[in-house]
Amino acid sequence: MKIAIAFFLVATILLTGCYSQTPPATSNSTDAINAASEVSVEISGFAFTPSTLTIAKGTTVTWTQKDAAPHTVTSSAFDSGTLNAGQTYSRTFDEIGSFDYRCNFHQSMTGKIIVQ
């Protein structure tokens, strides 16, 4: 009986330590400045996620295409060309500024990279 009670107490302590009341970050909102040297954007469900990303100068962004339909990552400063399912496109942002982009095939798919 003492072993069962001890096991219950240990399990309760371990599970309590894993619980977090912090809600998950929303992936479609503007991120705080991402100081990582590499960040990812997912192309899925006919959307770029996150749709707006704020990064530090010198950061590489990699888009991963997960839809069955082809997409592009296109702006006045860069163009991925056609990306099919499973393909990626990467670009290092060495200039401060704001870069709006879209999919050439699906004009409602838009995104923005803000480099600070």
PDB file of N, CA and C in Angstrom:
ATOM      1  N   MET A   1       0.818  -1.187   0.000  1.00  0.00           N
ATOM      2  CA  MET A   1       0.000   0.000   0.000  1.00  0.00           C
ATOM      3  C   MET A   1       0.872   1.267   0.000  1.00  0.00           C
ATOM      4  N   LYS A   2       1.952   1.241   0.807  1.00  0.00           N
ATOM      5  CA  LYS A   2       2.850   2.394   0.859  1.00  0.00           C
ATOM      6  C   LYS A   2       3.499   2.637  -0.500  1.00  0.00           C
ATOM      7  N   ILE A   3       3.805   1.558  -1.233  1.00  0.00           N
ATOM      8  CA  ILE A   3       4.414   1.690  -2.555  1.00  0.00           C
ATOM      9  C   ILE A   3       3.431   2.341  -3.519  1.00  0.00           C
ATOM     10  N   ALA A   4       2.173   1.968  -3.448  1.00  0.00           N
ATOM     11  CA  ALA A   4       1.147   2.541  -4.320  1.00  0.00           C
ATOM     12  C   ALA A   4       0.981   4.028  -4.045  1.00  0.00           C
ATOM     13  N   ILE A   5       0.977   4.407  -2.775  1.00  0.00           N
ATOM     14  CA  ILE A   5       0.839   5.821  -2.413  1.00  0.00           C
ATOM     15  C   ILE A   5       2.068   6.605  -2.881  1.00  0.00           C
ATOM     16  N   ALA A   6       3.252   6.042  -2.677  1.00  0.00           N
ATOM     17  CA  ALA A   6       4.474   6.707  -3.128  1.00  0.00           C
ATOM     18  C   ALA A   6       4.473   6.871  -4.645  1.00  0.00           C
ATOM     19  N   PHE A   7       4.080   5.838  -5.364  1.00  0.00           N
ATOM     20  CA  PHE A   7       3.995   5.911  -6.818  1.00  0.00           C
ATOM     21  C   PHE A   7       3.030   7.005  -7.250  1.00  0.00           C
ATOM     22  N   PHE A   8       1.858   7.076  -6.609  1.00  0.00           N
ATOM     23  CA  PHE A   8       0.856   8.088  -6.931  1.00  0.00           C
ATOM     24  C   PHE A   8       1.419   9.486  -6.706  1.00  0.00           C
ATOM     25  N   LEU A   9       2.109   9.696  -5.578  1.00  0.00           N
ATOM     26  CA  LEU A   9       2.667  11.016  -5.290  1.00  0.00           C
ATOM     27  C   LEU A   9       3.746  11.408  -6.299  1.00  0.00           C
ATOM     28  N   VAL A  10       4.614  10.486  -6.650  1.00  0.00           N
ATOM     29  CA  VAL A  10       5.663  10.768  -7.632  1.00  0.00           C
ATOM     30  C   VAL A  10       5.045  11.079  -8.992  1.00  0.00           C
ATOM     31  N   ALA A  11       4.068  10.294  -9.414  1.00  0.00           N
ATOM     32  CA  ALA A  11       3.405  10.526 -10.702  1.00  0.00           C
ATOM     33  C   ALA A  11       2.720  11.888 -10.709  1.00  0.00           C
ATOM     34  N   THR A  12       2.069  12.247  -9.615  1.00  0.00           N
ATOM     35  CA  THR A  12       1.387  13.544  -9.519  1.00  0.00           C
ATOM     36  C   THR A  12       2.385  14.685  -9.622  1.00  0.00           C
ATOM     37  N   ILE A  13       3.511  14.563  -8.940  1.00  0.00           N
ATOM     38  CA  ILE A  13       4.540  15.613  -8.984  1.00  0.00           C
ATOM     39  C   ILE A  13       5.101  15.747 -10.402  1.00  0.00           C
ATOM     40  N   LEU A  14       5.383  14.626 -11.050  1.00  0.00           N
ATOM     41  CA  LEU A  14       5.923  14.672 -12.413  1.00  0.00           C
ATOM     42  C   LEU A  14       4.935  15.281 -13.386  1.00  0.00           C
ATOM     43  N   LEU A  15       3.664  14.894 -13.297  1.00  0.00           N
ATOM     44  CA  LEU A  15       2.661  15.441 -14.211  1.00  0.00           C
ATOM     45  C   LEU A  15       2.424  16.918 -13.957  1.00  0.00           C
ATOM     46  N   THR A  16       2.448  17.340 -12.708  1.00  0.00           N
ATOM     47  CA  THR A  16       2.253  18.747 -12.387  1.00  0.00           C
ATOM     48  C   THR A  16       3.379  19.589 -12.965  1.00  0.00           C
ATOM     49  N   GLY A  17       4.595  19.081 -12.950  1.00  0.00           N
ATOM     50  CA  GLY A  17       5.731  19.809 -13.502  1.00  0.00           C
ATOM     51  C   GLY A  17       5.657  19.966 -15.003  1.00  0.00           C
ATOM     52  N   CYS A  18       4.923  19.090 -15.701  1.00  0.00           N
ATOM     53  CA  CYS A  18       4.801  19.161 -17.159  1.00  0.00           C
ATOM     54  C   CYS A  18       3.687  20.084 -17.603  1.00  0.00           C
ATOM     55  N   TYR A  19       2.813  20.480 -16.715  1.00  0.00           N
ATOM     56  CA  TYR A  19       1.668  21.300 -17.076  1.00  0.00           C
ATOM     57  C   TYR A  19       2.079  22.761 -17.175  1.00  0.00           C
ATOM     58  N   SER A  20       1.606  23.443 -18.198  1.00  0.00           N
ATOM     59  CA  SER A  20       1.905  24.857 -18.384  1.00  0.00           C
ATOM     60  C   SER A  20       0.609  25.609 -18.628  1.00  0.00           C
ATOM     61  N   GLN A  21       0.447  26.741 -17.954  1.00  0.00           N
ATOM     62  CA  GLN A  21      -0.737  27.555 -18.179  1.00  0.00           C
ATOM     63  C   GLN A  21      -0.519  28.587 -19.269  1.00  0.00           C
ATOM     64  N   THR A  22       0.646  28.641 -19.858  1.00  0.00           N
ATOM     65  CA  THR A  22       0.936  29.579 -20.929  1.00  0.00           C
ATOM     66  C   THR A  22       0.277  29.088 -22.212  1.00  0.00           C
ATOM     67  N   PRO A  23      -0.596  29.913 -22.824  1.00  0.00           N
ATOM     68  CA  PRO A  23      -1.231  29.465 -24.061  1.00  0.00           C
ATOM     69  C   PRO A  23      -0.219  29.389 -25.187  1.00  0.00           C
ATOM     70  N   PRO A  24      -0.437  28.500 -26.152  1.00  0.00           N
ATOM     71  CA  PRO A  24       0.490  28.404 -27.277  1.00  0.00           C
ATOM     72  C   PRO A  24       0.480  29.696 -28.095  1.00  0.00           C
ATOM     73  N   ALA A  25       1.608  30.016 -28.681  1.00  0.00           N
ATOM     74  CA  ALA A  25       1.701  31.200 -29.534  1.00  0.00           C
ATOM     75  C   ALA A  25       0.876  30.976 -30.790  1.00  0.00           C
ATOM     76  N   THR A  26       0.238  32.040 -31.261  1.00  0.00           N
ATOM     77  CA  THR A  26      -0.497  31.917 -32.508  1.00  0.00           C
ATOM     78  C   THR A  26       0.482  32.057 -33.647  1.00  0.00           C
ATOM     79  N   SER A  27       0.392  31.157 -34.595  1.00  0.00           N
ATOM     80  CA  SER A  27       1.396  31.121 -35.646  1.00  0.00           C
ATOM     81  C   SER A  27       1.102  32.073 -36.789  1.00  0.00           C
ATOM     82  N   ASN A  28      -0.064  32.698 -36.810  1.00  0.00           N
ATOM     83  CA  ASN A  28      -0.377  33.606 -37.897  1.00  0.00           C
ATOM     84  C   ASN A  28      -0.167  35.057 -37.513  1.00  0.00           C
ATOM     85  N   SER A  29       0.257  35.319 -36.294  1.00  0.00           N
ATOM     86  CA  SER A  29       0.469  36.689 -35.871  1.00  0.00           C
ATOM     87  C   SER A  29       1.916  37.094 -36.084  1.00  0.00           C
ATOM     88  N   THR A  30       2.174  38.383 -35.914  1.00  0.00           N
ATOM     89  CA  THR A  30       3.533  38.885 -36.042  1.00  0.00           C
ATOM     90  C   THR A  30       4.354  38.375 -34.876  1.00  0.00           C
ATOM     91  N   ASP A  31       5.481  37.762 -35.155  1.00  0.00           N
ATOM     92  CA  ASP A  31       6.373  37.292 -34.098  1.00  0.00           C
ATOM     93  C   ASP A  31       7.163  38.465 -33.552  1.00  0.00           C
ATOM     94  N   ALA A  32       7.607  38.359 -32.310  1.00  0.00           N
ATOM     95  CA  ALA A  32       8.584  39.301 -31.792  1.00  0.00           C
ATOM     96  C   ALA A  32       9.843  39.108 -32.637  1.00  0.00           C
ATOM     97  N   ILE A  33      10.775  40.017 -32.540  1.00  0.00           N
ATOM     98  CA  ILE A  33      11.985  39.884 -33.355  1.00  0.00           C
ATOM     99  C   ILE A  33      12.602  38.519 -33.091  1.00  0.00           C
ATOM    100  N   ASN A  34      12.757  37.773 -34.137  1.00  0.00           N
ATOM    101  CA  ASN A  34      13.321  36.435 -34.034  1.00  0.00           C
ATOM    102  C   ASN A  34      14.822  36.555 -34.254  1.00  0.00           C
ATOM    103  N   ALA A  35      15.586  36.343 -33.190  1.00  0.00           N
ATOM    104  CA  ALA A  35      17.031  36.513 -33.262  1.00  0.00           C
ATOM    105  C   ALA A  35      17.749  35.258 -33.753  1.00  0.00           C
ATOM    106  N   ALA A  36      17.002  34.210 -34.020  1.00  0.00           N
ATOM    107  CA  ALA A  36      17.627  32.986 -34.526  1.00  0.00           C
ATOM    108  C   ALA A  36      18.229  33.257 -35.893  1.00  0.00           C
ATOM    109  N   SER A  37      19.267  32.510 -36.242  1.00  0.00           N
ATOM    110  CA  SER A  37      19.900  32.718 -37.537  1.00  0.00           C
ATOM    111  C   SER A  37      19.126  32.037 -38.662  1.00  0.00           C
ATOM    112  N   GLU A  38      18.223  31.117 -38.298  1.00  0.00           N
ATOM    113  CA  GLU A  38      17.378  30.445 -39.282  1.00  0.00           C
ATOM    114  C   GLU A  38      15.975  30.304 -38.719  1.00  0.00           C
ATOM    115  N   VAL A  39      14.979  30.657 -39.524  1.00  0.00           N
ATOM    116  CA  VAL A  39      13.582  30.490 -39.129  1.00  0.00           C
ATOM    117  C   VAL A  39      12.813  29.863 -40.280  1.00  0.00           C
ATOM    118  N   SER A  40      11.646  29.318 -39.972  1.00  0.00           N
ATOM    119  CA  SER A  40      10.859  28.599 -40.973  1.00  0.00           C
ATOM    120  C   SER A  40       9.491  29.208 -41.161  1.00  0.00           C
ATOM    121  N   VAL A  41       9.007  29.118 -42.392  1.00  0.00           N
ATOM    122  CA  VAL A  41       7.635  29.466 -42.735  1.00  0.00           C
ATOM    123  C   VAL A  41       7.052  28.245 -43.434  1.00  0.00           C
ATOM    124  N   GLU A  42       5.885  27.823 -43.011  1.00  0.00           N
ATOM    125  CA  GLU A  42       5.226  26.668 -43.610  1.00  0.00           C
ATOM    126  C   GLU A  42       4.201  27.138 -44.639  1.00  0.00           C
ATOM    127  N   ILE A  43       4.194  26.485 -45.778  1.00  0.00           N
ATOM    128  CA  ILE A  43       3.181  26.734 -46.801  1.00  0.00           C
ATOM    129  C   ILE A  43       2.223  25.549 -46.727  1.00  0.00           C
ATOM    130  N   SER A  44       1.037  25.802 -46.185  1.00  0.00           N
ATOM    131  CA  SER A  44       0.083  24.721 -45.961  1.00  0.00           C
ATOM    132  C   SER A  44      -1.323  25.296 -45.876  1.00  0.00           C
ATOM    133  N   GLY A  45      -2.280  24.566 -46.425  1.00  0.00           N
ATOM    134  CA  GLY A  45      -3.662  25.045 -46.378  1.00  0.00           C
ATOM    135  C   GLY A  45      -3.851  26.343 -47.133  1.00  0.00           C
ATOM    136  N   PHE A  46      -3.069  26.524 -48.200  1.00  0.00           N
ATOM    137  CA  PHE A  46      -3.116  27.735 -49.025  1.00  0.00           C
ATOM    138  C   PHE A  46      -2.861  28.990 -48.183  1.00  0.00           C
ATOM    139  N   ALA A  47      -1.852  28.884 -47.291  1.00  0.00           N
ATOM    140  CA  ALA A  47      -1.461  30.011 -46.438  1.00  0.00           C
ATOM    141  C   ALA A  47       0.013  29.891 -46.075  1.00  0.00           C
ATOM    142  N   PHE A  48       0.632  31.055 -45.792  1.00  0.00           N
ATOM    143  CA  PHE A  48       1.979  31.109 -45.248  1.00  0.00           C
ATOM    144  C   PHE A  48       1.849  31.237 -43.737  1.00  0.00           C
ATOM    145  N   THR A  49       2.520  30.371 -42.980  1.00  0.00           N
ATOM    146  CA  THR A  49       2.403  30.409 -41.530  1.00  0.00           C
ATOM    147  C   THR A  49       3.785  30.417 -40.906  1.00  0.00           C
ATOM    148  N   PRO A  50       4.166  31.484 -40.169  1.00  0.00           N
ATOM    149  CA  PRO A  50       3.364  32.661 -39.890  1.00  0.00           C
ATOM    150  C   PRO A  50       3.271  33.566 -41.113  1.00  0.00           C
ATOM    151  N   SER A  51       2.204  34.327 -41.177  1.00  0.00           N
ATOM    152  CA  SER A  51       2.016  35.200 -42.337  1.00  0.00           C
ATOM    153  C   SER A  51       2.897  36.445 -42.251  1.00  0.00           C
ATOM    154  N   THR A  52       3.219  36.869 -41.047  1.00  0.00           N
ATOM    155  CA  THR A  52       4.127  37.992 -40.832  1.00  0.00           C
ATOM    156  C   THR A  52       5.210  37.536 -39.875  1.00  0.00           C
ATOM    157  N   LEU A  53       6.447  37.831 -40.231  1.00  0.00           N
ATOM    158  CA  LEU A  53       7.581  37.392 -39.436  1.00  0.00           C
ATOM    159  C   LEU A  53       8.552  38.553 -39.288  1.00  0.00           C
ATOM    160  N   THR A  54       8.933  38.863 -38.046  1.00  0.00           N
ATOM    161  CA  THR A  54       9.910  39.913 -37.779  1.00  0.00           C
ATOM    162  C   THR A  54      11.213  39.245 -37.377  1.00  0.00           C
ATOM    163  N   ILE A  55      12.274  39.560 -38.106  1.00  0.00           N
ATOM    164  CA  ILE A  55      13.562  38.892 -37.902  1.00  0.00           C
ATOM    165  C   ILE A  55      14.689  39.906 -37.801  1.00  0.00           C
ATOM    166  N   ALA A  56      15.821  39.442 -37.329  1.00  0.00           N
ATOM    167  CA  ALA A  56      17.033  40.267 -37.284  1.00  0.00           C
ATOM    168  C   ALA A  56      17.745  40.184 -38.629  1.00  0.00           C
ATOM    169  N   LYS A  57      18.439  41.247 -38.967  1.00  0.00           N
ATOM    170  CA  LYS A  57      19.254  41.274 -40.185  1.00  0.00           C
ATOM    171  C   LYS A  57      20.215  40.084 -40.172  1.00  0.00           C
ATOM    172  N   GLY A  58      20.362  39.423 -41.319  1.00  0.00           N
ATOM    173  CA  GLY A  58      21.252  38.279 -41.440  1.00  0.00           C
ATOM    174  C   GLY A  58      20.580  36.934 -41.225  1.00  0.00           C
ATOM    175  N   THR A  59      19.287  36.946 -40.915  1.00  0.00           N
ATOM    176  CA  THR A  59      18.553  35.707 -40.672  1.00  0.00           C
ATOM    177  C   THR A  59      18.165  35.054 -41.992  1.00  0.00           C
ATOM    178  N   THR A  60      18.247  33.726 -42.043  1.00  0.00           N
ATOM    179  CA  THR A  60      17.792  32.962 -43.199  1.00  0.00           C
ATOM    180  C   THR A  60      16.395  32.434 -42.923  1.00  0.00           C
ATOM    181  N   VAL A  61      15.484  32.691 -43.855  1.00  0.00           N
ATOM    182  CA  VAL A  61      14.116  32.176 -43.761  1.00  0.00           C
ATOM    183  C   VAL A  61      13.986  31.043 -44.771  1.00  0.00           C
ATOM    184  N   THR A  62      13.433  29.914 -44.332  1.00  0.00           N
ATOM    185  CA  THR A  62      13.188  28.782 -45.210  1.00  0.00           C
ATOM    186  C   THR A  62      11.695  28.505 -45.248  1.00  0.00           C
ATOM    187  N   TRP A  63      11.131  28.548 -46.455  1.00  0.00           N
ATOM    188  CA  TRP A  63       9.736  28.212 -46.675  1.00  0.00           C
ATOM    189  C   TRP A  63       9.671  26.730 -47.047  1.00  0.00           C
ATOM    190  N   THR A  64       8.769  25.980 -46.427  1.00  0.00           N
ATOM    191  CA  THR A  64       8.575  24.562 -46.728  1.00  0.00           C
ATOM    192  C   THR A  64       7.176  24.387 -47.288  1.00  0.00           C
ATOM    193  N   GLN A  65       7.093  23.850 -48.500  1.00  0.00           N
ATOM    194  CA  GLN A  65       5.840  23.685 -49.228  1.00  0.00           C
ATOM    195  C   GLN A  65       5.218  22.342 -48.853  1.00  0.00           C
ATOM    196  N   LYS A  66       4.044  22.384 -48.197  1.00  0.00           N
ATOM    197  CA  LYS A  66       3.392  21.158 -47.739  1.00  0.00           C
ATOM    198  C   LYS A  66       2.057  20.896 -48.420  1.00  0.00           C
ATOM    199  N   ASP A  67       1.635  21.773 -49.330  1.00  0.00           N
ATOM    200  CA  ASP A  67       0.374  21.574 -50.053  1.00  0.00           C
ATOM    201  C   ASP A  67       0.592  20.710 -51.292  1.00  0.00           C
ATOM    202  N   ALA A  68      -0.474  20.099 -51.756  1.00  0.00           N
ATOM    203  CA  ALA A  68      -0.413  19.320 -53.004  1.00  0.00           C
ATOM    204  C   ALA A  68      -0.333  20.249 -54.219  1.00  0.00           C
ATOM    205  N   ALA A  69      -0.984  21.398 -54.136  1.00  0.00           N
ATOM    206  CA  ALA A  69      -0.967  22.370 -55.239  1.00  0.00           C
ATOM    207  C   ALA A  69       0.363  23.117 -55.241  1.00  0.00           C
ATOM    208  N   PRO A  70       0.885  23.489 -56.421  1.00  0.00           N
ATOM    209  CA  PRO A  70       2.137  24.260 -56.469  1.00  0.00           C
ATOM    210  C   PRO A  70       1.935  25.682 -55.946  1.00  0.00           C
ATOM    211  N   HIS A  71       2.999  26.255 -55.396  1.00  0.00           N
ATOM    212  CA  HIS A  71       2.982  27.626 -54.885  1.00  0.00           C
ATOM    213  C   HIS A  71       4.303  28.301 -55.235  1.00  0.00           C
ATOM    214  N   THR A  72       4.345  29.624 -55.066  1.00  0.00           N
ATOM    215  CA  THR A  72       5.584  30.382 -55.171  1.00  0.00           C
ATOM    216  C   THR A  72       5.720  31.272 -53.939  1.00  0.00           C
ATOM    217  N   VAL A  73       6.924  31.745 -53.711  1.00  0.00           N
ATOM    218  CA  VAL A  73       7.214  32.769 -52.708  1.00  0.00           C
ATOM    219  C   VAL A  73       7.831  33.896 -53.511  1.00  0.00           C
ATOM    220  N   THR A  74       7.035  34.923 -53.799  1.00  0.00           N
ATOM    221  CA  THR A  74       7.434  35.935 -54.774  1.00  0.00           C
ATOM    222  C   THR A  74       7.255  37.345 -54.227  1.00  0.00           C
ATOM    223  N   SER A  75       8.292  38.165 -54.364  1.00  0.00           N
ATOM    224  CA  SER A  75       8.223  39.588 -54.036  1.00  0.00           C
ATOM    225  C   SER A  75       8.990  40.344 -55.107  1.00  0.00           C
ATOM    226  N   SER A  76       9.087  41.645 -54.951  1.00  0.00           N
ATOM    227  CA  SER A  76       9.892  42.414 -55.896  1.00  0.00           C
ATOM    228  C   SER A  76      11.381  42.162 -55.675  1.00  0.00           C
ATOM    229  N   ALA A  77      11.754  41.592 -54.523  1.00  0.00           N
ATOM    230  CA  ALA A  77      13.165  41.367 -54.195  1.00  0.00           C
ATOM    231  C   ALA A  77      13.618  39.915 -54.370  1.00  0.00           C
ATOM    232  N   PHE A  78      12.678  38.977 -54.433  1.00  0.00           N
ATOM    233  CA  PHE A  78      13.053  37.563 -54.543  1.00  0.00           C
ATOM    234  C   PHE A  78      11.908  36.756 -55.141  1.00  0.00           C
ATOM    235  N   ASP A  79      12.253  35.582 -55.674  1.00  0.00           N
ATOM    236  CA  ASP A  79      11.253  34.686 -56.263  1.00  0.00           C
ATOM    237  C   ASP A  79      11.751  33.246 -56.168  1.00  0.00           C
ATOM    238  N   SER A  80      10.953  32.409 -55.571  1.00  0.00           N
ATOM    239  CA  SER A  80      11.330  31.004 -55.381  1.00  0.00           C
ATOM    240  C   SER A  80      11.180  30.177 -56.645  1.00  0.00           C
ATOM    241  N   GLY A  81      10.402  30.675 -57.596  1.00  0.00           N
ATOM    242  CA  GLY A  81       9.981  29.809 -58.690  1.00  0.00           C
ATOM    243  C   GLY A  81       8.916  28.864 -58.153  1.00  0.00           C
ATOM    244  N   THR A  82       8.463  27.939 -58.960  1.00  0.00           N
ATOM    245  CA  THR A  82       7.406  27.018 -58.546  1.00  0.00           C
ATOM    246  C   THR A  82       7.940  26.016 -57.534  1.00  0.00           C
ATOM    247  N   LEU A  83       7.222  25.919 -56.401  1.00  0.00           N
ATOM    248  CA  LEU A  83       7.549  24.938 -55.365  1.00  0.00           C
ATOM    249  C   LEU A  83       6.447  23.886 -55.331  1.00  0.00           C
ATOM    250  N   ASN A  84       6.827  22.638 -55.496  1.00  0.00           N
ATOM    251  CA  ASN A  84       5.886  21.534 -55.379  1.00  0.00           C
ATOM    252  C   ASN A  84       5.974  20.949 -53.974  1.00  0.00           C
ATOM    253  N   ALA A  85       5.033  20.064 -53.647  1.00  0.00           N
ATOM    254  CA  ALA A  85       4.977  19.463 -52.309  1.00  0.00           C
ATOM    255  C   ALA A  85       6.338  18.902 -51.908  1.00  0.00           C
ATOM    256  N   GLY A  86       6.773  19.248 -50.696  1.00  0.00           N
ATOM    257  CA  GLY A  86       8.031  18.745 -50.170  1.00  0.00           C
ATOM    258  C   GLY A  86       9.239  19.602 -50.480  1.00  0.00           C
ATOM    259  N   GLN A  87       9.112  20.572 -51.370  1.00  0.00           N
ATOM    260  CA  GLN A  87      10.249  21.416 -51.720  1.00  0.00           C
ATOM    261  C   GLN A  87      10.378  22.588 -50.751  1.00  0.00           C
ATOM    262  N   THR A  88      11.589  23.151 -50.690  1.00  0.00           N
ATOM    263  CA  THR A  88      11.843  24.306 -49.840  1.00  0.00           C
ATOM    264  C   THR A  88      12.512  25.416 -50.647  1.00  0.00           C
ATOM    265  N   TYR A  89      12.423  26.620 -50.093  1.00  0.00           N
ATOM    266  CA  TYR A  89      13.118  27.777 -50.656  1.00  0.00           C
ATOM    267  C   TYR A  89      13.676  28.562 -49.475  1.00  0.00           C
ATOM    268  N   SER A  90      14.937  28.965 -49.553  1.00  0.00           N
ATOM    269  CA  SER A  90      15.569  29.732 -48.478  1.00  0.00           C
ATOM    270  C   SER A  90      16.137  31.031 -49.013  1.00  0.00           C
ATOM    271  N   ARG A  91      16.100  32.054 -48.158  1.00  0.00           N
ATOM    272  CA  ARG A  91      16.684  33.351 -48.496  1.00  0.00           C
ATOM    273  C   ARG A  91      17.215  33.978 -47.224  1.00  0.00           C
ATOM    274  N   THR A  92      18.421  34.525 -47.305  1.00  0.00           N
ATOM    275  CA  THR A  92      19.011  35.250 -46.187  1.00  0.00           C
ATOM    276  C   THR A  92      18.714  36.732 -46.377  1.00  0.00           C
ATOM    277  N   PHE A  93      18.182  37.352 -45.343  1.00  0.00           N
ATOM    278  CA  PHE A  93      17.797  38.759 -45.404  1.00  0.00           C
ATOM    279  C   PHE A  93      18.910  39.605 -44.790  1.00  0.00           C
ATOM    280  N   ASP A  94      19.696  40.255 -45.669  1.00  0.00           N
ATOM    281  CA  ASP A  94      20.843  41.055 -45.244  1.00  0.00           C
ATOM    282  C   ASP A  94      20.552  42.546 -45.244  1.00  0.00           C
ATOM    283  N   GLU A  95      19.332  42.928 -45.619  1.00  0.00           N
ATOM    284  CA  GLU A  95      18.966  44.344 -45.653  1.00  0.00           C
ATOM    285  C   GLU A  95      17.789  44.588 -44.725  1.00  0.00           C
ATOM    286  N   ILE A  96      17.854  45.683 -43.988  1.00  0.00           N
ATOM    287  CA  ILE A  96      16.751  46.080 -43.128  1.00  0.00           C
ATOM    288  C   ILE A  96      15.620  46.592 -44.007  1.00  0.00           C
ATOM    289  N   GLY A  97      14.403  46.222 -43.666  1.00  0.00           N
ATOM    290  CA  GLY A  97      13.247  46.676 -44.432  1.00  0.00           C
ATOM    291  C   GLY A  97      12.081  45.727 -44.283  1.00  0.00           C
ATOM    292  N   SER A  98      11.049  46.001 -45.047  1.00  0.00           N
ATOM    293  CA  SER A  98       9.832  45.199 -45.032  1.00  0.00           C
ATOM    294  C   SER A  98       9.643  44.590 -46.419  1.00  0.00           C
ATOM    295  N   PHE A  99       9.405  43.296 -46.456  1.00  0.00           N
ATOM    296  CA  PHE A  99       9.301  42.577 -47.716  1.00  0.00           C
ATOM    297  C   PHE A  99       7.956  41.847 -47.788  1.00  0.00           C
ATOM    298  N   ASP A 100       7.024  42.413 -48.554  1.00  0.00           N
ATOM    299  CA  ASP A 100       5.747  41.750 -48.793  1.00  0.00           C
ATOM    300  C   ASP A 100       5.956  40.697 -49.870  1.00  0.00           C
ATOM    301  N   TYR A 101       5.310  39.551 -49.716  1.00  0.00           N
ATOM    302  CA  TYR A 101       5.411  38.508 -50.738  1.00  0.00           C
ATOM    303  C   TYR A 101       4.068  37.827 -50.915  1.00  0.00           C
ATOM    304  N   ARG A 102       3.968  37.019 -51.959  1.00  0.00           N
ATOM    305  CA  ARG A 102       2.707  36.348 -52.302  1.00  0.00           C
ATOM    306  C   ARG A 102       3.011  35.080 -53.083  1.00  0.00           C
ATOM    307  N   CYS A 103       1.967  34.323 -53.327  1.00  0.00           N
ATOM    308  CA  CYS A 103       2.044  33.187 -54.238  1.00  0.00           C
ATOM    309  C   CYS A 103       1.524  33.670 -55.584  1.00  0.00           C
ATOM    310  N   ASN A 104       2.297  33.470 -56.648  1.00  0.00           N
ATOM    311  CA  ASN A 104       1.851  33.905 -57.975  1.00  0.00           C
ATOM    312  C   ASN A 104       0.621  33.154 -58.462  1.00  0.00           C
ATOM    313  N   PHE A 105       0.416  31.930 -57.995  1.00  0.00           N
ATOM    314  CA  PHE A 105      -0.729  31.139 -58.425  1.00  0.00           C
ATOM    315  C   PHE A 105      -1.993  31.449 -57.631  1.00  0.00           C
ATOM    316  N   HIS A 106      -1.832  31.898 -56.399  1.00  0.00           N
ATOM    317  CA  HIS A 106      -2.973  32.107 -55.496  1.00  0.00           C
ATOM    318  C   HIS A 106      -2.808  33.477 -54.838  1.00  0.00           C
ATOM    319  N   GLN A 107      -3.361  34.504 -55.461  1.00  0.00           N
ATOM    320  CA  GLN A 107      -3.135  35.888 -55.046  1.00  0.00           C
ATOM    321  C   GLN A 107      -3.591  36.194 -53.621  1.00  0.00           C
ATOM    322  N   SER A 108      -4.472  35.360 -53.051  1.00  0.00           N
ATOM    323  CA  SER A 108      -4.910  35.606 -51.674  1.00  0.00           C
ATOM    324  C   SER A 108      -3.859  35.143 -50.656  1.00  0.00           C
ATOM    325  N   MET A 109      -2.872  34.391 -51.121  1.00  0.00           N
ATOM    326  CA  MET A 109      -1.796  33.949 -50.227  1.00  0.00           C
ATOM    327  C   MET A 109      -0.739  35.044 -50.165  1.00  0.00           C
ATOM    328  N   THR A 110      -0.645  35.706 -49.019  1.00  0.00           N
ATOM    329  CA  THR A 110       0.315  36.788 -48.856  1.00  0.00           C
ATOM    330  C   THR A 110       1.074  36.621 -47.543  1.00  0.00           C
ATOM    331  N   GLY A 111       2.240  37.235 -47.492  1.00  0.00           N
ATOM    332  CA  GLY A 111       3.039  37.222 -46.288  1.00  0.00           C
ATOM    333  C   GLY A 111       3.937  38.439 -46.236  1.00  0.00           C
ATOM    334  N   LYS A 112       4.605  38.600 -45.098  1.00  0.00           N
ATOM    335  CA  LYS A 112       5.492  39.758 -44.933  1.00  0.00           C
ATOM    336  C   LYS A 112       6.655  39.364 -44.041  1.00  0.00           C
ATOM    337  N   ILE A 113       7.845  39.763 -44.447  1.00  0.00           N
ATOM    338  CA  ILE A 113       9.057  39.615 -43.637  1.00  0.00           C
ATOM    339  C   ILE A 113       9.509  41.023 -43.257  1.00  0.00           C
ATOM    340  N   ILE A 114       9.646  41.272 -41.978  1.00  0.00           N
ATOM    341  CA  ILE A 114      10.142  42.555 -41.482  1.00  0.00           C
ATOM    342  C   ILE A 114      11.526  42.318 -40.905  1.00  0.00           C
ATOM    343  N   VAL A 115      12.522  42.975 -41.490  1.00  0.00           N
ATOM    344  CA  VAL A 115      13.908  42.799 -41.062  1.00  0.00           C
ATOM    345  C   VAL A 115      14.331  44.033 -40.280  1.00  0.00           C
ATOM    346  N   GLN A 116      14.766  43.811 -39.048  1.00  0.00           N
ATOM    347  CA  GLN A 116      15.176  44.930 -38.178  1.00  0.00           C
ATOM    348  C   GLN A 116      16.624  44.819 -37.793  1.00  0.00           C
TER     349      GLN A 116
END
